[in-house]
Amino acid sequence: MSVTMTPAAAERVRTFITNRGKGLGLRLGVKTTGCSGLAYVLEFVDELNEDDEMFEIDDVNIIIDGKSLVYLEGIELDFVKEGLNEGFKFTNPNAKGECGCGESFNV
């Protein structure tokens, strides 16, 4: 299983966790929604669930639940700034398509 994160994403997650003052890491998951079927979910993790896998990347823990793992194999998490906009970008080799608004994907 491979999950990667760019240095920009790792720095942003570290900053979020430091500002929050607690947390084991960041959960990356998927939920059923949107035009294409699946959407990414990011949330802080304070304690692990039984089916969680944890990946330490650049001193940052990325936690993925077992159900989401199959959709996220090989994903890269990046943090980008484009003009006045900034946010996380997902490069997922499993995604076969995305909806026009970019909120959801399908496999």
N, C-alpha and C. Protein backbone atom coordinates (compact mmCIF):
# COMPACT_ATOMS: atom_id res chain seq x y z
N MET A 1 0.85 -1.19 0.00
CA MET A 1 0.00 0.00 0.00
C MET A 1 0.88 1.23 0.00
N SER A 2 0.62 2.12 -0.93
CA SER A 2 1.40 3.35 -0.96
C SER A 2 0.49 4.57 -0.91
N VAL A 3 0.84 5.46 -0.04
CA VAL A 3 0.19 6.76 0.09
C VAL A 3 1.33 7.75 0.17
N THR A 4 1.28 8.81 -0.62
CA THR A 4 2.34 9.81 -0.58
C THR A 4 1.76 11.19 -0.32
N MET A 5 2.64 12.07 0.10
CA MET A 5 2.24 13.44 0.40
C MET A 5 3.40 14.35 0.04
N THR A 6 3.10 15.46 -0.60
CA THR A 6 4.15 16.41 -0.95
C THR A 6 4.62 17.15 0.31
N PRO A 7 5.82 17.72 0.27
CA PRO A 7 6.28 18.52 1.40
C PRO A 7 5.32 19.67 1.75
N ALA A 8 4.70 20.28 0.75
CA ALA A 8 3.75 21.37 1.01
C ALA A 8 2.54 20.86 1.80
N ALA A 9 2.04 19.69 1.45
CA ALA A 9 0.90 19.11 2.16
C ALA A 9 1.29 18.73 3.58
N ALA A 10 2.46 18.12 3.74
CA ALA A 10 2.92 17.72 5.07
C ALA A 10 3.06 18.94 5.98
N GLU A 11 3.62 20.01 5.46
CA GLU A 11 3.79 21.23 6.26
C GLU A 11 2.44 21.80 6.67
N ARG A 12 1.49 21.79 5.76
CA ARG A 12 0.15 22.33 6.05
C ARG A 12 -0.55 21.50 7.12
N VAL A 13 -0.46 20.17 7.02
CA VAL A 13 -1.08 19.30 8.02
C VAL A 13 -0.42 19.50 9.38
N ARG A 14 0.92 19.57 9.41
CA ARG A 14 1.63 19.82 10.67
C ARG A 14 1.17 21.12 11.30
N THR A 15 1.01 22.15 10.50
CA THR A 15 0.55 23.45 11.01
C THR A 15 -0.85 23.34 11.59
N PHE A 16 -1.76 22.65 10.89
CA PHE A 16 -3.13 22.47 11.39
C PHE A 16 -3.13 21.75 12.74
N ILE A 17 -2.35 20.67 12.84
CA ILE A 17 -2.34 19.89 14.09
C ILE A 17 -1.70 20.68 15.22
N THR A 18 -0.64 21.42 14.92
CA THR A 18 0.00 22.26 15.94
C THR A 18 -0.97 23.33 16.43
N ASN A 19 -1.65 23.99 15.52
CA ASN A 19 -2.62 25.03 15.91
C ASN A 19 -3.79 24.45 16.69
N ARG A 20 -4.17 23.23 16.37
CA ARG A 20 -5.26 22.56 17.07
C ARG A 20 -4.84 22.15 18.47
N GLY A 21 -3.55 21.84 18.66
CA GLY A 21 -3.04 21.51 19.97
C GLY A 21 -3.13 20.04 20.36
N LYS A 22 -3.71 19.21 19.50
CA LYS A 22 -3.80 17.77 19.78
C LYS A 22 -4.12 17.04 18.49
N GLY A 23 -3.97 15.71 18.54
CA GLY A 23 -4.34 14.89 17.40
C GLY A 23 -3.24 13.94 16.99
N LEU A 24 -3.64 12.74 16.58
CA LEU A 24 -2.70 11.73 16.09
C LEU A 24 -2.29 11.99 14.66
N GLY A 25 -3.19 12.59 13.89
CA GLY A 25 -2.90 12.82 12.48
C GLY A 25 -4.15 13.25 11.74
N LEU A 26 -4.12 13.04 10.44
CA LEU A 26 -5.21 13.45 9.56
C LEU A 26 -5.80 12.22 8.90
N ARG A 27 -7.13 12.09 8.98
CA ARG A 27 -7.82 10.99 8.32
C ARG A 27 -8.14 11.39 6.88
N LEU A 28 -7.79 10.49 5.97
CA LEU A 28 -8.16 10.64 4.57
C LEU A 28 -9.10 9.49 4.27
N GLY A 29 -10.28 9.81 3.81
CA GLY A 29 -11.27 8.79 3.51
C GLY A 29 -12.13 9.18 2.34
N VAL A 30 -13.12 8.35 2.07
CA VAL A 30 -14.09 8.65 1.02
C VAL A 30 -15.49 8.45 1.57
N LYS A 31 -16.44 9.16 0.97
CA LYS A 31 -17.84 8.96 1.31
C LYS A 31 -18.64 8.98 0.01
N THR A 32 -19.79 8.33 0.04
CA THR A 32 -20.66 8.29 -1.13
C THR A 32 -21.44 9.59 -1.21
N THR A 33 -21.27 10.30 -2.33
CA THR A 33 -21.93 11.59 -2.51
C THR A 33 -21.62 12.14 -3.90
N GLY A 34 -22.21 13.24 -4.23
CA GLY A 34 -21.86 14.00 -5.43
C GLY A 34 -22.34 13.39 -6.73
N CYS A 35 -21.98 14.05 -7.80
CA CYS A 35 -22.38 13.67 -9.16
C CYS A 35 -21.75 12.36 -9.60
N SER A 36 -20.50 12.12 -9.20
CA SER A 36 -19.75 10.97 -9.69
C SER A 36 -19.74 9.79 -8.74
N GLY A 37 -20.18 9.97 -7.52
CA GLY A 37 -20.31 8.83 -6.61
C GLY A 37 -19.52 8.88 -5.33
N LEU A 38 -18.27 9.34 -5.35
CA LEU A 38 -17.42 9.36 -4.16
C LEU A 38 -16.78 10.73 -3.99
N ALA A 39 -16.60 11.13 -2.73
CA ALA A 39 -15.92 12.39 -2.42
C ALA A 39 -14.88 12.13 -1.34
N TYR A 40 -13.82 12.91 -1.36
CA TYR A 40 -12.77 12.79 -0.35
C TYR A 40 -13.22 13.44 0.94
N VAL A 41 -12.76 12.88 2.06
CA VAL A 41 -13.05 13.41 3.38
C VAL A 41 -11.72 13.57 4.12
N LEU A 42 -11.52 14.74 4.71
CA LEU A 42 -10.36 14.99 5.56
C LEU A 42 -10.86 15.40 6.94
N GLU A 43 -10.30 14.78 8.00
CA GLU A 43 -10.69 15.15 9.36
C GLU A 43 -9.56 14.79 10.31
N PHE A 44 -9.51 15.47 11.44
CA PHE A 44 -8.50 15.17 12.45
C PHE A 44 -8.83 13.85 13.14
N VAL A 45 -7.80 13.15 13.59
CA VAL A 45 -7.97 11.89 14.31
C VAL A 45 -7.34 12.04 15.69
N ASP A 46 -8.15 11.76 16.72
CA ASP A 46 -7.65 11.78 18.09
C ASP A 46 -7.40 10.37 18.62
N GLU A 47 -8.13 9.39 18.08
CA GLU A 47 -7.87 8.00 18.43
C GLU A 47 -8.19 7.11 17.25
N LEU A 48 -7.44 6.03 17.13
CA LEU A 48 -7.58 5.12 16.00
C LEU A 48 -8.78 4.20 16.16
N ASN A 49 -9.39 3.84 15.04
CA ASN A 49 -10.43 2.82 15.00
C ASN A 49 -9.76 1.48 14.70
N GLU A 50 -10.49 0.41 14.93
CA GLU A 50 -9.94 -0.93 14.76
C GLU A 50 -9.45 -1.21 13.34
N ASP A 51 -10.13 -0.68 12.33
CA ASP A 51 -9.77 -0.98 10.94
C ASP A 51 -8.90 0.09 10.28
N ASP A 52 -8.33 0.99 11.06
CA ASP A 52 -7.50 2.06 10.52
C ASP A 52 -6.10 1.57 10.17
N GLU A 53 -5.58 2.11 9.07
CA GLU A 53 -4.18 1.94 8.69
C GLU A 53 -3.53 3.30 8.85
N MET A 54 -2.34 3.34 9.43
CA MET A 54 -1.65 4.62 9.63
C MET A 54 -0.36 4.62 8.82
N PHE A 55 -0.14 5.72 8.10
CA PHE A 55 1.05 5.90 7.28
C PHE A 55 1.77 7.14 7.78
N GLU A 56 3.02 6.98 8.18
CA GLU A 56 3.81 8.13 8.62
C GLU A 56 4.60 8.65 7.43
N ILE A 57 4.33 9.88 7.07
CA ILE A 57 4.98 10.51 5.92
C ILE A 57 5.51 11.87 6.37
N ASP A 58 6.81 12.03 6.34
CA ASP A 58 7.41 13.33 6.66
C ASP A 58 6.96 13.82 8.05
N ASP A 59 6.97 12.91 9.03
CA ASP A 59 6.56 13.21 10.42
C ASP A 59 5.09 13.58 10.55
N VAL A 60 4.27 13.16 9.61
CA VAL A 60 2.82 13.38 9.66
C VAL A 60 2.15 12.03 9.50
N ASN A 61 1.15 11.77 10.35
CA ASN A 61 0.39 10.53 10.24
C ASN A 61 -0.85 10.74 9.39
N ILE A 62 -0.97 9.92 8.35
CA ILE A 62 -2.18 9.88 7.54
C ILE A 62 -2.88 8.58 7.89
N ILE A 63 -4.13 8.68 8.29
CA ILE A 63 -4.91 7.53 8.72
C ILE A 63 -6.02 7.27 7.70
N ILE A 64 -6.13 6.02 7.26
CA ILE A 64 -7.15 5.64 6.27
C ILE A 64 -7.89 4.42 6.81
N ASP A 65 -9.21 4.49 6.83
CA ASP A 65 -10.00 3.36 7.29
C ASP A 65 -10.00 2.26 6.23
N GLY A 66 -10.26 1.03 6.66
CA GLY A 66 -10.21 -0.12 5.78
C GLY A 66 -11.14 -0.03 4.59
N LYS A 67 -12.32 0.56 4.78
CA LYS A 67 -13.30 0.69 3.70
C LYS A 67 -12.80 1.64 2.60
N SER A 68 -12.11 2.70 2.99
CA SER A 68 -11.62 3.69 2.03
C SER A 68 -10.33 3.28 1.35
N LEU A 69 -9.59 2.38 2.00
CA LEU A 69 -8.26 2.01 1.54
C LEU A 69 -8.24 1.53 0.08
N VAL A 70 -9.23 0.75 -0.30
CA VAL A 70 -9.28 0.21 -1.65
C VAL A 70 -9.39 1.31 -2.72
N TYR A 71 -10.03 2.43 -2.39
CA TYR A 71 -10.20 3.54 -3.33
C TYR A 71 -8.99 4.49 -3.35
N LEU A 72 -8.13 4.39 -2.33
CA LEU A 72 -7.06 5.37 -2.16
C LEU A 72 -5.65 4.81 -2.37
N GLU A 73 -5.54 3.57 -2.79
CA GLU A 73 -4.23 2.97 -3.06
C GLU A 73 -3.46 3.82 -4.07
N GLY A 74 -2.27 4.27 -3.68
CA GLY A 74 -1.42 5.04 -4.58
C GLY A 74 -1.70 6.53 -4.63
N ILE A 75 -2.60 7.03 -3.79
CA ILE A 75 -2.97 8.45 -3.83
C ILE A 75 -1.82 9.34 -3.36
N GLU A 76 -1.77 10.54 -3.93
CA GLU A 76 -0.83 11.56 -3.47
C GLU A 76 -1.65 12.76 -3.01
N LEU A 77 -1.33 13.23 -1.80
CA LEU A 77 -1.97 14.41 -1.24
C LEU A 77 -1.02 15.59 -1.41
N ASP A 78 -1.53 16.67 -1.98
CA ASP A 78 -0.73 17.88 -2.20
C ASP A 78 -1.49 19.07 -1.64
N PHE A 79 -0.79 20.15 -1.38
CA PHE A 79 -1.42 21.41 -0.98
C PHE A 79 -0.97 22.46 -1.98
N VAL A 80 -1.93 23.07 -2.67
CA VAL A 80 -1.59 24.00 -3.73
C VAL A 80 -2.22 25.37 -3.49
N LYS A 81 -1.54 26.38 -3.99
CA LYS A 81 -2.06 27.75 -3.99
C LYS A 81 -2.13 28.19 -5.44
N GLU A 82 -3.32 28.60 -5.85
CA GLU A 82 -3.53 29.09 -7.22
C GLU A 82 -4.25 30.43 -7.12
N GLY A 83 -3.49 31.49 -7.30
CA GLY A 83 -4.07 32.82 -7.14
C GLY A 83 -4.50 33.04 -5.71
N LEU A 84 -5.77 33.39 -5.50
CA LEU A 84 -6.29 33.61 -4.16
C LEU A 84 -6.81 32.32 -3.52
N ASN A 85 -6.86 31.25 -4.29
CA ASN A 85 -7.38 29.97 -3.80
C ASN A 85 -6.25 29.07 -3.31
N GLU A 86 -6.52 28.32 -2.27
CA GLU A 86 -5.58 27.34 -1.78
C GLU A 86 -6.36 26.16 -1.22
N GLY A 87 -5.75 24.97 -1.30
CA GLY A 87 -6.42 23.80 -0.76
C GLY A 87 -5.67 22.53 -1.09
N PHE A 88 -6.19 21.44 -0.57
CA PHE A 88 -5.59 20.14 -0.82
C PHE A 88 -6.01 19.63 -2.19
N LYS A 89 -5.07 18.99 -2.86
CA LYS A 89 -5.31 18.40 -4.17
C LYS A 89 -5.00 16.91 -4.07
N PHE A 90 -5.86 16.10 -4.65
CA PHE A 90 -5.72 14.65 -4.60
C PHE A 90 -5.38 14.13 -5.99
N THR A 91 -4.28 13.39 -6.09
CA THR A 91 -3.92 12.72 -7.33
C THR A 91 -4.11 11.23 -7.07
N ASN A 92 -5.22 10.71 -7.59
CA ASN A 92 -5.63 9.36 -7.28
C ASN A 92 -5.60 8.51 -8.56
N PRO A 93 -4.68 7.54 -8.64
CA PRO A 93 -4.61 6.72 -9.85
C PRO A 93 -5.83 5.81 -10.05
N ASN A 94 -6.65 5.65 -9.03
CA ASN A 94 -7.84 4.81 -9.12
C ASN A 94 -9.04 5.54 -9.69
N ALA A 95 -9.01 6.86 -9.68
CA ALA A 95 -10.14 7.65 -10.17
C ALA A 95 -10.22 7.56 -11.69
N LYS A 96 -11.35 7.13 -12.18
CA LYS A 96 -11.56 7.01 -13.63
C LYS A 96 -12.17 8.28 -14.21
N GLY A 97 -12.79 9.08 -13.36
CA GLY A 97 -13.39 10.32 -13.81
C GLY A 97 -13.80 11.18 -12.63
N GLU A 98 -14.01 12.47 -12.90
CA GLU A 98 -14.45 13.43 -11.89
C GLU A 98 -15.64 14.19 -12.44
N CYS A 99 -16.45 14.69 -11.53
CA CYS A 99 -17.57 15.52 -11.97
C CYS A 99 -17.03 16.89 -12.40
N GLY A 100 -17.82 17.65 -13.08
CA GLY A 100 -17.40 18.95 -13.60
C GLY A 100 -16.98 19.94 -12.53
N CYS A 101 -17.60 19.86 -11.35
CA CYS A 101 -17.28 20.81 -10.28
C CYS A 101 -16.07 20.36 -9.47
N GLY A 102 -15.60 19.13 -9.68
CA GLY A 102 -14.41 18.65 -8.97
C GLY A 102 -14.68 18.17 -7.56
N GLU A 103 -15.93 18.08 -7.15
CA GLU A 103 -16.27 17.68 -5.79
C GLU A 103 -16.30 16.17 -5.59
N SER A 104 -16.46 15.40 -6.68
CA SER A 104 -16.56 13.96 -6.52
C SER A 104 -15.85 13.24 -7.66
N PHE A 105 -15.64 11.93 -7.48
CA PHE A 105 -14.94 11.11 -8.47
C PHE A 105 -15.57 9.74 -8.52
N ASN A 106 -15.23 8.96 -9.56
CA ASN A 106 -15.68 7.58 -9.64
C ASN A 106 -14.49 6.68 -9.96
N VAL A 107 -14.67 5.40 -9.65
CA VAL A 107 -13.60 4.42 -9.89
C VAL A 107 -14.09 3.34 -10.84
